Amino acid sequence: MTTPPEKITVEYPECSAVYGDWFRASMNLMLDDFDEDYIDEASSASCPNCGHRVDLDVLIIEEDGVWRSRDRDTRTD
């Protein structure tokens, strides 16, 4: 199951700005056909003040049925 969008508050480490955003805690790609742009948008937040981007902890169920954490440093595109 893909979780519904959830409102969150984010504090950015670069400039200490705090603002509201949203994310999905999990996405099931076996059930939902989200593209990479949407997955990136739903699993990260960008600071409107300094532009710093933070990755949010999100679990992705890939098409093979395996739960994986979305980690941009180790992901292959």
N, C-alpha and C. Protein backbone atom coordinates (compact mmCIF):
# COMPACT_ATOMS: atom_id res chain seq x y z
N MET A 1 0.83 -1.18 0.00
CA MET A 1 0.00 0.00 0.00
C MET A 1 0.88 1.25 0.00
N THR A 2 0.52 2.21 -0.80
CA THR A 2 1.17 3.52 -0.78
C THR A 2 0.49 4.37 0.28
N THR A 3 1.30 4.97 1.14
CA THR A 3 0.71 5.84 2.16
C THR A 3 0.24 7.14 1.53
N PRO A 4 -0.77 7.77 2.11
CA PRO A 4 -1.23 9.06 1.59
C PRO A 4 -0.19 10.15 1.87
N PRO A 5 -0.24 11.25 1.11
CA PRO A 5 0.67 12.36 1.40
C PRO A 5 0.44 12.85 2.84
N GLU A 6 1.54 13.22 3.47
CA GLU A 6 1.51 13.64 4.87
C GLU A 6 2.19 14.99 5.01
N LYS A 7 1.56 15.91 5.74
CA LYS A 7 2.16 17.22 5.99
C LYS A 7 3.26 17.07 7.03
N ILE A 8 4.39 17.73 6.78
CA ILE A 8 5.53 17.68 7.71
C ILE A 8 6.10 19.08 7.88
N THR A 9 6.92 19.25 8.91
CA THR A 9 7.68 20.47 9.13
C THR A 9 9.15 20.10 9.02
N VAL A 10 9.89 20.84 8.22
CA VAL A 10 11.29 20.55 7.95
C VAL A 10 12.17 21.69 8.44
N GLU A 11 13.26 21.36 9.17
CA GLU A 11 14.28 22.35 9.51
C GLU A 11 15.52 22.02 8.70
N TYR A 12 16.02 23.00 7.97
CA TYR A 12 17.16 22.78 7.08
C TYR A 12 18.47 23.01 7.81
N PRO A 13 19.40 22.07 7.68
CA PRO A 13 20.67 22.17 8.40
C PRO A 13 21.56 23.30 7.90
N GLU A 14 21.41 23.70 6.66
CA GLU A 14 22.28 24.72 6.09
C GLU A 14 21.99 26.13 6.60
N CYS A 15 20.68 26.46 6.75
CA CYS A 15 20.33 27.84 7.11
C CYS A 15 19.36 27.92 8.30
N SER A 16 18.98 26.79 8.85
CA SER A 16 18.06 26.69 9.99
C SER A 16 16.65 27.19 9.70
N ALA A 17 16.30 27.37 8.43
CA ALA A 17 14.93 27.75 8.07
C ALA A 17 13.99 26.59 8.40
N VAL A 18 12.78 26.93 8.82
CA VAL A 18 11.77 25.93 9.13
C VAL A 18 10.53 26.24 8.30
N TYR A 19 10.02 25.24 7.59
CA TYR A 19 8.79 25.47 6.83
C TYR A 19 8.05 24.16 6.61
N GLY A 20 6.81 24.25 6.18
CA GLY A 20 5.97 23.09 5.94
C GLY A 20 6.18 22.51 4.56
N ASP A 21 6.06 21.20 4.46
CA ASP A 21 6.18 20.49 3.19
C ASP A 21 5.32 19.25 3.29
N TRP A 22 5.51 18.29 2.40
CA TRP A 22 4.77 17.04 2.43
C TRP A 22 5.68 15.92 1.96
N PHE A 23 5.29 14.66 2.29
CA PHE A 23 6.00 13.50 1.76
C PHE A 23 5.09 12.28 1.86
N ARG A 24 5.52 11.19 1.27
CA ARG A 24 4.86 9.90 1.42
C ARG A 24 5.85 8.99 2.13
N ALA A 25 5.43 8.36 3.21
CA ALA A 25 6.33 7.49 3.98
C ALA A 25 6.68 6.22 3.22
N SER A 26 5.79 5.76 2.36
CA SER A 26 6.08 4.59 1.53
C SER A 26 5.33 4.71 0.22
N MET A 27 5.91 4.10 -0.82
CA MET A 27 5.29 4.06 -2.14
C MET A 27 5.42 2.66 -2.69
N ASN A 28 4.31 2.10 -3.15
CA ASN A 28 4.29 0.75 -3.70
C ASN A 28 4.19 0.85 -5.21
N LEU A 29 5.31 0.64 -5.89
CA LEU A 29 5.34 0.78 -7.34
C LEU A 29 4.72 -0.41 -8.05
N MET A 30 4.36 -1.46 -7.28
CA MET A 30 3.60 -2.57 -7.86
C MET A 30 2.14 -2.14 -8.06
N LEU A 31 1.68 -1.17 -7.27
CA LEU A 31 0.29 -0.72 -7.33
C LEU A 31 0.14 0.65 -7.97
N ASP A 32 1.13 1.52 -7.81
CA ASP A 32 1.07 2.89 -8.30
C ASP A 32 2.18 3.13 -9.30
N ASP A 33 1.86 3.78 -10.40
CA ASP A 33 2.83 4.02 -11.48
C ASP A 33 3.41 5.42 -11.36
N PHE A 34 4.17 5.67 -10.27
CA PHE A 34 4.81 6.98 -10.08
C PHE A 34 6.08 7.04 -10.91
N ASP A 35 6.33 8.18 -11.55
CA ASP A 35 7.58 8.34 -12.28
C ASP A 35 8.67 8.83 -11.32
N GLU A 36 9.92 8.81 -11.78
CA GLU A 36 11.07 9.18 -10.94
C GLU A 36 10.95 10.61 -10.41
N ASP A 37 10.44 11.53 -11.22
CA ASP A 37 10.30 12.91 -10.76
C ASP A 37 9.35 13.00 -9.57
N TYR A 38 8.22 12.27 -9.64
CA TYR A 38 7.27 12.29 -8.53
C TYR A 38 7.87 11.63 -7.30
N ILE A 39 8.57 10.52 -7.48
CA ILE A 39 9.21 9.83 -6.35
C ILE A 39 10.21 10.76 -5.67
N ASP A 40 11.01 11.46 -6.46
CA ASP A 40 11.97 12.42 -5.89
C ASP A 40 11.26 13.54 -5.14
N GLU A 41 10.17 14.05 -5.70
CA GLU A 41 9.43 15.13 -5.05
C GLU A 41 8.79 14.67 -3.74
N ALA A 42 8.29 13.44 -3.74
CA ALA A 42 7.60 12.91 -2.56
C ALA A 42 8.56 12.41 -1.48
N SER A 43 9.85 12.31 -1.80
CA SER A 43 10.82 11.76 -0.85
C SER A 43 11.95 12.73 -0.50
N SER A 44 11.76 14.01 -0.84
CA SER A 44 12.77 15.01 -0.51
C SER A 44 12.09 16.36 -0.32
N ALA A 45 12.85 17.31 0.21
CA ALA A 45 12.34 18.67 0.38
C ALA A 45 13.48 19.64 0.08
N SER A 46 13.13 20.77 -0.53
CA SER A 46 14.12 21.79 -0.85
C SER A 46 13.78 23.08 -0.10
N CYS A 47 14.79 23.70 0.47
CA CYS A 47 14.61 24.92 1.24
C CYS A 47 14.30 26.09 0.31
N PRO A 48 13.22 26.83 0.58
CA PRO A 48 12.91 27.98 -0.26
C PRO A 48 13.87 29.16 -0.03
N ASN A 49 14.62 29.15 1.08
CA ASN A 49 15.56 30.24 1.38
C ASN A 49 16.92 30.03 0.75
N CYS A 50 17.51 28.85 0.99
CA CYS A 50 18.88 28.63 0.52
C CYS A 50 18.99 27.60 -0.60
N GLY A 51 17.89 26.87 -0.88
CA GLY A 51 17.91 25.88 -1.95
C GLY A 51 18.46 24.52 -1.55
N HIS A 52 18.93 24.38 -0.29
CA HIS A 52 19.47 23.09 0.17
C HIS A 52 18.38 22.03 0.08
N ARG A 53 18.76 20.84 -0.38
CA ARG A 53 17.81 19.73 -0.53
C ARG A 53 18.12 18.67 0.51
N VAL A 54 17.08 18.18 1.17
CA VAL A 54 17.24 17.09 2.13
C VAL A 54 16.42 15.90 1.66
N ASP A 55 16.97 14.70 1.85
CA ASP A 55 16.26 13.47 1.55
C ASP A 55 15.48 13.06 2.79
N LEU A 56 14.26 12.64 2.58
CA LEU A 56 13.41 12.17 3.67
C LEU A 56 13.42 10.64 3.65
N ASP A 57 13.31 10.01 4.80
CA ASP A 57 13.31 8.56 4.87
C ASP A 57 12.01 8.02 4.28
N VAL A 58 12.13 7.31 3.15
CA VAL A 58 10.98 6.77 2.45
C VAL A 58 11.29 5.34 2.04
N LEU A 59 10.33 4.44 2.20
CA LEU A 59 10.47 3.07 1.71
C LEU A 59 9.75 2.96 0.38
N ILE A 60 10.39 2.29 -0.57
CA ILE A 60 9.83 2.09 -1.90
C ILE A 60 9.69 0.59 -2.12
N ILE A 61 8.50 0.15 -2.53
CA ILE A 61 8.34 -1.23 -2.99
C ILE A 61 8.51 -1.20 -4.50
N GLU A 62 9.61 -1.77 -4.97
CA GLU A 62 9.88 -1.78 -6.40
C GLU A 62 8.96 -2.77 -7.10
N GLU A 63 9.02 -2.79 -8.43
CA GLU A 63 8.17 -3.67 -9.21
C GLU A 63 8.41 -5.15 -8.89
N ASP A 64 9.60 -5.48 -8.35
CA ASP A 64 9.90 -6.88 -8.00
C ASP A 64 9.36 -7.26 -6.64
N GLY A 65 8.66 -6.33 -5.95
CA GLY A 65 8.06 -6.63 -4.65
C GLY A 65 8.97 -6.45 -3.46
N VAL A 66 10.20 -5.98 -3.68
CA VAL A 66 11.17 -5.82 -2.60
C VAL A 66 11.09 -4.39 -2.04
N TRP A 67 11.00 -4.28 -0.70
CA TRP A 67 11.03 -2.96 -0.03
C TRP A 67 12.46 -2.47 -0.01
N ARG A 68 12.67 -1.25 -0.45
CA ARG A 68 14.00 -0.65 -0.43
C ARG A 68 13.88 0.78 0.08
N SER A 69 14.88 1.21 0.82
CA SER A 69 14.96 2.61 1.24
C SER A 69 15.50 3.41 0.08
N ARG A 70 14.94 4.58 -0.16
CA ARG A 70 15.41 5.42 -1.26
C ARG A 70 16.64 6.18 -0.81
N ASP A 71 17.82 5.80 -1.31
CA ASP A 71 19.08 6.44 -0.95
C ASP A 71 19.74 6.93 -2.22
N ARG A 72 19.77 8.22 -2.43
CA ARG A 72 20.29 8.78 -3.66
C ARG A 72 21.79 8.51 -3.88
N ASP A 73 22.54 8.30 -2.81
CA ASP A 73 23.98 8.06 -2.97
C ASP A 73 24.27 6.68 -3.55
N THR A 74 23.38 5.70 -3.33
CA THR A 74 23.64 4.35 -3.81
C THR A 74 22.69 3.93 -4.91
N ARG A 75 21.68 4.76 -5.27
CA ARG A 75 20.70 4.41 -6.28
C ARG A 75 21.34 4.48 -7.65
N THR A 76 20.98 3.53 -8.50
CA THR A 76 21.40 3.58 -9.89
C THR A 76 20.20 3.96 -10.74
N ASP A 77 20.38 4.89 -11.64
CA ASP A 77 19.28 5.34 -12.51
C ASP A 77 19.39 4.72 -13.87
